[in-house]
Amino acid sequence: MGSYLYASPSFLSGAARLLDFGNTYDTYNHAVTGSQADSLGLLWDWALVGNDLWQGVNTYQVVKTEQSHCPPVNSQAELVTR
């Protein structure tokens, strides 16, 4: 998930928030306008979708390559003996 406009807390920042009674520790990446925030959100979302597609294509190519190196199975008994 895109996290441009969200805080990325760590364990130590979570522990520090226990003593932050005035809520002064929270900081976020602010956009100048709402449309800029929407544009950045859409950009990050589509970048992640593209990354998922590339991973899927690469995985498919690896599996297809591995399967092409195996001779075809003619019967279920032959499959069991492999």
PDB file of N, CA and C in Angstrom:
ATOM      1  N   MET A   1       0.844  -1.178   0.000  1.00  0.00           N
ATOM      2  CA  MET A   1       0.000   0.000   0.000  1.00  0.00           C
ATOM      3  C   MET A   1       0.881   1.230   0.000  1.00  0.00           C
ATOM      4  N   GLY A   2       0.483   2.245  -0.739  1.00  0.00           N
ATOM      5  CA  GLY A   2       1.251   3.474  -0.764  1.00  0.00           C
ATOM      6  C   GLY A   2       1.216   4.152   0.591  1.00  0.00           C
ATOM      7  N   SER A   3       2.332   4.698   1.007  1.00  0.00           N
ATOM      8  CA  SER A   3       2.377   5.300   2.334  1.00  0.00           C
ATOM      9  C   SER A   3       2.931   6.717   2.287  1.00  0.00           C
ATOM     10  N   TYR A   4       2.777   7.389   1.161  1.00  0.00           N
ATOM     11  CA  TYR A   4       3.334   8.731   1.050  1.00  0.00           C
ATOM     12  C   TYR A   4       2.705   9.690   2.054  1.00  0.00           C
ATOM     13  N   LEU A   5       1.413   9.618   2.236  1.00  0.00           N
ATOM     14  CA  LEU A   5       0.726  10.576   3.101  1.00  0.00           C
ATOM     15  C   LEU A   5       0.529  10.066   4.521  1.00  0.00           C
ATOM     16  N   TYR A   6       1.097   8.916   4.848  1.00  0.00           N
ATOM     17  CA  TYR A   6       0.918   8.337   6.177  1.00  0.00           C
ATOM     18  C   TYR A   6       2.244   8.288   6.912  1.00  0.00           C
ATOM     19  N   ALA A   7       2.169   8.302   8.227  1.00  0.00           N
ATOM     20  CA  ALA A   7       3.376   8.169   9.036  1.00  0.00           C
ATOM     21  C   ALA A   7       3.861   6.733   8.984  1.00  0.00           C
ATOM     22  N   SER A   8       5.161   6.554   9.088  1.00  0.00           N
ATOM     23  CA  SER A   8       5.753   5.218   9.119  1.00  0.00           C
ATOM     24  C   SER A   8       6.374   4.999  10.494  1.00  0.00           C
ATOM     25  N   PRO A   9       5.583   4.531  11.459  1.00  0.00           N
ATOM     26  CA  PRO A   9       6.081   4.413  12.822  1.00  0.00           C
ATOM     27  C   PRO A   9       7.031   3.233  13.000  1.00  0.00           C
ATOM     28  N   SER A  10       7.901   3.352  13.962  1.00  0.00           N
ATOM     29  CA  SER A  10       8.789   2.271  14.350  1.00  0.00           C
ATOM     30  C   SER A  10       8.432   1.874  15.785  1.00  0.00           C
ATOM     31  N   PHE A  11       9.128   0.891  16.299  1.00  0.00           N
ATOM     32  CA  PHE A  11       8.882   0.457  17.669  1.00  0.00           C
ATOM     33  C   PHE A  11       9.173   1.585  18.650  1.00  0.00           C
ATOM     34  N   LEU A  12      10.299   2.286  18.456  1.00  0.00           N
ATOM     35  CA  LEU A  12      10.666   3.365  19.374  1.00  0.00           C
ATOM     36  C   LEU A  12       9.689   4.536  19.290  1.00  0.00           C
ATOM     37  N   SER A  13       9.233   4.861  18.085  1.00  0.00           N
ATOM     38  CA  SER A  13       8.271   5.955  17.986  1.00  0.00           C
ATOM     39  C   SER A  13       6.938   5.561  18.621  1.00  0.00           C
ATOM     40  N   GLY A  14       6.594   4.277  18.542  1.00  0.00           N
ATOM     41  CA  GLY A  14       5.385   3.806  19.219  1.00  0.00           C
ATOM     42  C   GLY A  14       5.507   3.909  20.722  1.00  0.00           C
ATOM     43  N   ALA A  15       6.688   3.581  21.240  1.00  0.00           N
ATOM     44  CA  ALA A  15       6.917   3.700  22.680  1.00  0.00           C
ATOM     45  C   ALA A  15       6.898   5.171  23.105  1.00  0.00           C
ATOM     46  N   ALA A  16       7.456   6.056  22.277  1.00  0.00           N
ATOM     47  CA  ALA A  16       7.467   7.486  22.615  1.00  0.00           C
ATOM     48  C   ALA A  16       6.059   8.062  22.626  1.00  0.00           C
ATOM     49  N   ARG A  17       5.168   7.506  21.818  1.00  0.00           N
ATOM     50  CA  ARG A  17       3.782   8.001  21.781  1.00  0.00           C
ATOM     51  C   ARG A  17       3.038   7.742  23.085  1.00  0.00           C
ATOM     52  N   LEU A  18       3.513   6.789  23.871  1.00  0.00           N
ATOM     53  CA  LEU A  18       2.876   6.537  25.166  1.00  0.00           C
ATOM     54  C   LEU A  18       2.975   7.749  26.080  1.00  0.00           C
ATOM     55  N   LEU A  19       4.043   8.522  25.942  1.00  0.00           N
ATOM     56  CA  LEU A  19       4.243   9.701  26.794  1.00  0.00           C
ATOM     57  C   LEU A  19       3.879  11.007  26.090  1.00  0.00           C
ATOM     58  N   ASP A  20       3.399  10.947  24.877  1.00  0.00           N
ATOM     59  CA  ASP A  20       3.055  12.134  24.099  1.00  0.00           C
ATOM     60  C   ASP A  20       1.585  12.474  24.316  1.00  0.00           C
ATOM     61  N   PHE A  21       1.287  13.084  25.456  1.00  0.00           N
ATOM     62  CA  PHE A  21      -0.098  13.379  25.802  1.00  0.00           C
ATOM     63  C   PHE A  21      -0.682  14.535  24.993  1.00  0.00           C
ATOM     64  N   GLY A  22       0.159  15.419  24.465  1.00  0.00           N
ATOM     65  CA  GLY A  22      -0.336  16.554  23.686  1.00  0.00           C
ATOM     66  C   GLY A  22      -0.465  16.247  22.211  1.00  0.00           C
ATOM     67  N   ASN A  23      -0.210  15.009  21.810  1.00  0.00           N
ATOM     68  CA  ASN A  23      -0.305  14.589  20.418  1.00  0.00           C
ATOM     69  C   ASN A  23       0.580  15.454  19.513  1.00  0.00           C
ATOM     70  N   THR A  24       1.768  15.786  20.014  1.00  0.00           N
ATOM     71  CA  THR A  24       2.696  16.618  19.244  1.00  0.00           C
ATOM     72  C   THR A  24       3.677  15.775  18.433  1.00  0.00           C
ATOM     73  N   TYR A  25       3.738  14.489  18.690  1.00  0.00           N
ATOM     74  CA  TYR A  25       4.709  13.631  18.022  1.00  0.00           C
ATOM     75  C   TYR A  25       4.253  13.193  16.634  1.00  0.00           C
ATOM     76  N   ASP A  26       2.945  13.243  16.374  1.00  0.00           N
ATOM     77  CA  ASP A  26       2.425  12.811  15.078  1.00  0.00           C
ATOM     78  C   ASP A  26       2.824  13.788  13.984  1.00  0.00           C
ATOM     79  N   THR A  27       3.493  13.263  12.960  1.00  0.00           N
ATOM     80  CA  THR A  27       3.803  14.063  11.776  1.00  0.00           C
ATOM     81  C   THR A  27       3.442  13.224  10.553  1.00  0.00           C
ATOM     82  N   TYR A  28       2.917  13.890   9.565  1.00  0.00           N
ATOM     83  CA  TYR A  28       2.511  13.237   8.335  1.00  0.00           C
ATOM     84  C   TYR A  28       3.103  14.001   7.163  1.00  0.00           C
ATOM     85  N   ASN A  29       3.206  13.339   6.037  1.00  0.00           N
ATOM     86  CA  ASN A  29       3.629  14.016   4.811  1.00  0.00           C
ATOM     87  C   ASN A  29       2.421  14.746   4.260  1.00  0.00           C
ATOM     88  N   HIS A  30       2.459  16.043   4.301  1.00  0.00           N
ATOM     89  CA  HIS A  30       1.308  16.841   3.891  1.00  0.00           C
ATOM     90  C   HIS A  30       1.417  17.224   2.426  1.00  0.00           C
ATOM     91  N   ALA A  31       0.293  17.232   1.756  1.00  0.00           N
ATOM     92  CA  ALA A  31       0.220  17.723   0.382  1.00  0.00           C
ATOM     93  C   ALA A  31      -0.280  19.164   0.428  1.00  0.00           C
ATOM     94  N   VAL A  32       0.092  19.941  -0.568  1.00  0.00           N
ATOM     95  CA  VAL A  32      -0.302  21.352  -0.611  1.00  0.00           C
ATOM     96  C   VAL A  32      -1.808  21.475  -0.820  1.00  0.00           C
ATOM     97  N   THR A  33      -2.357  20.681  -1.731  1.00  0.00           N
ATOM     98  CA  THR A  33      -3.791  20.732  -2.016  1.00  0.00           C
ATOM     99  C   THR A  33      -4.367  19.320  -1.963  1.00  0.00           C
ATOM    100  N   GLY A  34      -5.659  19.251  -1.911  1.00  0.00           N
ATOM    101  CA  GLY A  34      -6.322  17.949  -1.926  1.00  0.00           C
ATOM    102  C   GLY A  34      -6.114  17.215  -3.237  1.00  0.00           C
ATOM    103  N   SER A  35      -6.101  17.966  -4.335  1.00  0.00           N
ATOM    104  CA  SER A  35      -5.890  17.305  -5.627  1.00  0.00           C
ATOM    105  C   SER A  35      -4.468  16.769  -5.750  1.00  0.00           C
ATOM    106  N   GLN A  36      -3.497  17.453  -5.147  1.00  0.00           N
ATOM    107  CA  GLN A  36      -2.126  16.938  -5.150  1.00  0.00           C
ATOM    108  C   GLN A  36      -2.057  15.640  -4.344  1.00  0.00           C
ATOM    109  N   ALA A  37      -2.739  15.600  -3.211  1.00  0.00           N
ATOM    110  CA  ALA A  37      -2.759  14.386  -2.399  1.00  0.00           C
ATOM    111  C   ALA A  37      -3.411  13.241  -3.173  1.00  0.00           C
ATOM    112  N   ASP A  38      -4.496  13.523  -3.872  1.00  0.00           N
ATOM    113  CA  ASP A  38      -5.162  12.494  -4.681  1.00  0.00           C
ATOM    114  C   ASP A  38      -4.248  11.999  -5.800  1.00  0.00           C
ATOM    115  N   SER A  39      -3.577  12.947  -6.466  1.00  0.00           N
ATOM    116  CA  SER A  39      -2.675  12.565  -7.557  1.00  0.00           C
ATOM    117  C   SER A  39      -1.532  11.696  -7.059  1.00  0.00           C
ATOM    118  N   LEU A  40      -0.947  12.067  -5.930  1.00  0.00           N
ATOM    119  CA  LEU A  40       0.146  11.270  -5.378  1.00  0.00           C
ATOM    120  C   LEU A  40      -0.338   9.891  -4.928  1.00  0.00           C
ATOM    121  N   GLY A  41      -1.525   9.844  -4.352  1.00  0.00           N
ATOM    122  CA  GLY A  41      -2.096   8.564  -3.948  1.00  0.00           C
ATOM    123  C   GLY A  41      -2.339   7.653  -5.135  1.00  0.00           C
ATOM    124  N   LEU A  42      -2.904   8.202  -6.210  1.00  0.00           N
ATOM    125  CA  LEU A  42      -3.134   7.416  -7.423  1.00  0.00           C
ATOM    126  C   LEU A  42      -1.816   6.956  -8.046  1.00  0.00           C
ATOM    127  N   LEU A  43      -0.826   7.839  -8.045  1.00  0.00           N
ATOM    128  CA  LEU A  43       0.485   7.487  -8.591  1.00  0.00           C
ATOM    129  C   LEU A  43       1.077   6.293  -7.841  1.00  0.00           C
ATOM    130  N   TRP A  44       1.053   6.336  -6.518  1.00  0.00           N
ATOM    131  CA  TRP A  44       1.599   5.241  -5.721  1.00  0.00           C
ATOM    132  C   TRP A  44       0.784   3.963  -5.895  1.00  0.00           C
ATOM    133  N   ASP A  45      -0.540   4.093  -5.964  1.00  0.00           N
ATOM    134  CA  ASP A  45      -1.383   2.907  -6.156  1.00  0.00           C
ATOM    135  C   ASP A  45      -1.067   2.219  -7.475  1.00  0.00           C
ATOM    136  N   TRP A  46      -0.962   2.992  -8.564  1.00  0.00           N
ATOM    137  CA  TRP A  46      -0.677   2.392  -9.867  1.00  0.00           C
ATOM    138  C   TRP A  46       0.752   1.869  -9.947  1.00  0.00           C
ATOM    139  N   ALA A  47       1.671   2.498  -9.239  1.00  0.00           N
ATOM    140  CA  ALA A  47       3.039   1.980  -9.200  1.00  0.00           C
ATOM    141  C   ALA A  47       3.055   0.604  -8.533  1.00  0.00           C
ATOM    142  N   LEU A  48       2.272   0.437  -7.477  1.00  0.00           N
ATOM    143  CA  LEU A  48       2.194  -0.870  -6.806  1.00  0.00           C
ATOM    144  C   LEU A  48       1.496  -1.902  -7.679  1.00  0.00           C
ATOM    145  N   VAL A  49       0.465  -1.492  -8.399  1.00  0.00           N
ATOM    146  CA  VAL A  49      -0.212  -2.414  -9.327  1.00  0.00           C
ATOM    147  C   VAL A  49       0.770  -2.863 -10.411  1.00  0.00           C
ATOM    148  N   GLY A  50       1.530  -1.927 -10.971  1.00  0.00           N
ATOM    149  CA  GLY A  50       2.527  -2.274 -11.973  1.00  0.00           C
ATOM    150  C   GLY A  50       3.575  -3.228 -11.427  1.00  0.00           C
ATOM    151  N   ASN A  51       4.013  -3.002 -10.207  1.00  0.00           N
ATOM    152  CA  ASN A  51       4.984  -3.887  -9.575  1.00  0.00           C
ATOM    153  C   ASN A  51       4.410  -5.297  -9.413  1.00  0.00           C
ATOM    154  N   ASP A  52       3.163  -5.394  -8.991  1.00  0.00           N
ATOM    155  CA  ASP A  52       2.517  -6.704  -8.858  1.00  0.00           C
ATOM    156  C   ASP A  52       2.416  -7.410 -10.209  1.00  0.00           C
ATOM    157  N   LEU A  53       2.089  -6.665 -11.259  1.00  0.00           N
ATOM    158  CA  LEU A  53       2.000  -7.258 -12.593  1.00  0.00           C
ATOM    159  C   LEU A  53       3.359  -7.786 -13.056  1.00  0.00           C
ATOM    160  N   TRP A  54       4.423  -7.006 -12.845  1.00  0.00           N
ATOM    161  CA  TRP A  54       5.761  -7.463 -13.231  1.00  0.00           C
ATOM    162  C   TRP A  54       6.156  -8.725 -12.475  1.00  0.00           C
ATOM    163  N   GLN A  55       5.836  -8.769 -11.180  1.00  0.00           N
ATOM    164  CA  GLN A  55       6.152  -9.967 -10.400  1.00  0.00           C
ATOM    165  C   GLN A  55       5.380 -11.168 -10.919  1.00  0.00           C
ATOM    166  N   GLY A  56       4.117 -10.973 -11.275  1.00  0.00           N
ATOM    167  CA  GLY A  56       3.312 -12.060 -11.819  1.00  0.00           C
ATOM    168  C   GLY A  56       3.846 -12.562 -13.147  1.00  0.00           C
ATOM    169  N   VAL A  57       4.232 -11.650 -14.032  1.00  0.00           N
ATOM    170  CA  VAL A  57       4.788 -12.036 -15.326  1.00  0.00           C
ATOM    171  C   VAL A  57       6.096 -12.799 -15.133  1.00  0.00           C
ATOM    172  N   ASN A  58       6.964 -12.306 -14.255  1.00  0.00           N
ATOM    173  CA  ASN A  58       8.233 -12.983 -14.010  1.00  0.00           C
ATOM    174  C   ASN A  58       8.029 -14.369 -13.413  1.00  0.00           C
ATOM    175  N   THR A  59       7.095 -14.505 -12.479  1.00  0.00           N
ATOM    176  CA  THR A  59       6.805 -15.809 -11.883  1.00  0.00           C
ATOM    177  C   THR A  59       6.274 -16.762 -12.941  1.00  0.00           C
ATOM    178  N   TYR A  60       5.389 -16.277 -13.798  1.00  0.00           N
ATOM    179  CA  TYR A  60       4.842 -17.105 -14.871  1.00  0.00           C
ATOM    180  C   TYR A  60       5.960 -17.588 -15.795  1.00  0.00           C
ATOM    181  N   GLN A  61       6.875 -16.694 -16.154  1.00  0.00           N
ATOM    182  CA  GLN A  61       7.976 -17.075 -17.043  1.00  0.00           C
ATOM    183  C   GLN A  61       8.865 -18.133 -16.398  1.00  0.00           C
ATOM    184  N   VAL A  62       9.135 -18.012 -15.110  1.00  0.00           N
ATOM    185  CA  VAL A  62       9.970 -18.998 -14.419  1.00  0.00           C
ATOM    186  C   VAL A  62       9.280 -20.355 -14.396  1.00  0.00           C
ATOM    187  N   VAL A  63       8.000 -20.375 -14.054  1.00  0.00           N
ATOM    188  CA  VAL A  63       7.254 -21.633 -13.994  1.00  0.00           C
ATOM    189  C   VAL A  63       7.165 -22.256 -15.380  1.00  0.00           C
ATOM    190  N   LYS A  64       6.881 -21.454 -16.385  1.00  0.00           N
ATOM    191  CA  LYS A  64       6.767 -21.963 -17.751  1.00  0.00           C
ATOM    192  C   LYS A  64       8.106 -22.539 -18.216  1.00  0.00           C
ATOM    193  N   THR A  65       9.200 -21.888 -17.878  1.00  0.00           N
ATOM    194  CA  THR A  65      10.528 -22.378 -18.248  1.00  0.00           C
ATOM    195  C   THR A  65      10.831 -23.696 -17.552  1.00  0.00           C
ATOM    196  N   GLU A  66      10.493 -23.801 -16.263  1.00  0.00           N
ATOM    197  CA  GLU A  66      10.729 -25.045 -15.525  1.00  0.00           C
ATOM    198  C   GLU A  66       9.894 -26.184 -16.094  1.00  0.00           C
ATOM    199  N   GLN A  67       8.671 -25.910 -16.486  1.00  0.00           N
ATOM    200  CA  GLN A  67       7.802 -26.948 -17.030  1.00  0.00           C
ATOM    201  C   GLN A  67       8.265 -27.399 -18.407  1.00  0.00           C
ATOM    202  N   SER A  68       8.881 -26.518 -19.154  1.00  0.00           N
ATOM    203  CA  SER A  68       9.314 -26.891 -20.502  1.00  0.00           C
ATOM    204  C   SER A  68      10.510 -27.839 -20.470  1.00  0.00           C
ATOM    205  N   HIS A  69      11.216 -27.921 -19.345  1.00  0.00           N
ATOM    206  CA  HIS A  69      12.360 -28.812 -19.211  1.00  0.00           C
ATOM    207  C   HIS A  69      11.954 -30.224 -18.813  1.00  0.00           C
ATOM    208  N   CYS A  70      10.722 -30.421 -18.421  1.00  0.00           N
ATOM    209  CA  CYS A  70      10.235 -31.743 -18.043  1.00  0.00           C
ATOM    210  C   CYS A  70       9.573 -32.391 -19.258  1.00  0.00           C
ATOM    211  N   PRO A  71       9.855 -33.662 -19.512  1.00  0.00           N
ATOM    212  CA  PRO A  71       9.163 -34.340 -20.609  1.00  0.00           C
ATOM    213  C   PRO A  71       7.690 -34.523 -20.262  1.00  0.00           C
ATOM    214  N   PRO A  72       6.819 -34.586 -21.252  1.00  0.00           N
ATOM    215  CA  PRO A  72       5.389 -34.736 -20.966  1.00  0.00           C
ATOM    216  C   PRO A  72       5.096 -36.067 -20.295  1.00  0.00           C
ATOM    217  N   VAL A  73       4.086 -36.077 -19.451  1.00  0.00           N
ATOM    218  CA  VAL A  73       3.659 -37.286 -18.744  1.00  0.00           C
ATOM    219  C   VAL A  73       2.572 -37.962 -19.580  1.00  0.00           C
ATOM    220  N   ASN A  74       2.754 -39.253 -19.877  1.00  0.00           N
ATOM    221  CA  ASN A  74       1.802 -39.972 -20.724  1.00  0.00           C
ATOM    222  C   ASN A  74       0.713 -40.664 -19.927  1.00  0.00           C
ATOM    223  N   SER A  75       0.978 -40.989 -18.665  1.00  0.00           N
ATOM    224  CA  SER A  75      -0.041 -41.667 -17.863  1.00  0.00           C
ATOM    225  C   SER A  75       0.132 -41.276 -16.403  1.00  0.00           C
ATOM    226  N   GLN A  76      -0.899 -41.566 -15.618  1.00  0.00           N
ATOM    227  CA  GLN A  76      -0.830 -41.254 -14.195  1.00  0.00           C
ATOM    228  C   GLN A  76       0.211 -42.156 -13.506  1.00  0.00           C
ATOM    229  N   ALA A  77       0.367 -43.381 -13.963  1.00  0.00           N
ATOM    230  CA  ALA A  77       1.366 -44.273 -13.368  1.00  0.00           C
ATOM    231  C   ALA A  77       2.770 -43.736 -13.593  1.00  0.00           C
ATOM    232  N   GLU A  78       3.005 -43.163 -14.751  1.00  0.00           N
ATOM    233  CA  GLU A  78       4.312 -42.573 -15.034  1.00  0.00           C
ATOM    234  C   GLU A  78       4.548 -41.366 -14.140  1.00  0.00           C
ATOM    235  N   LEU A  79       3.484 -40.629 -13.845  1.00  0.00           N
ATOM    236  CA  LEU A  79       3.599 -39.476 -12.963  1.00  0.00           C
ATOM    237  C   LEU A  79       3.992 -39.905 -11.563  1.00  0.00           C
ATOM    238  N   VAL A  80       3.439 -41.018 -11.072  1.00  0.00           N
ATOM    239  CA  VAL A  80       3.722 -41.507  -9.725  1.00  0.00           C
ATOM    240  C   VAL A  80       5.168 -41.969  -9.608  1.00  0.00           C
ATOM    241  N   THR A  81       5.721 -42.543 -10.654  1.00  0.00           N
ATOM    242  CA  THR A  81       7.074 -43.067 -10.583  1.00  0.00           C
ATOM    243  C   THR A  81       8.146 -42.015 -10.725  1.00  0.00           C
ATOM    244  N   ARG A  82       7.800 -40.812 -11.067  1.00  0.00           N
ATOM    245  CA  ARG A  82       8.816 -39.743 -11.197  1.00  0.00           C
ATOM    246  C   ARG A  82       9.266 -39.254  -9.868  1.00  0.00           C
TER     247      ARG A  82
END
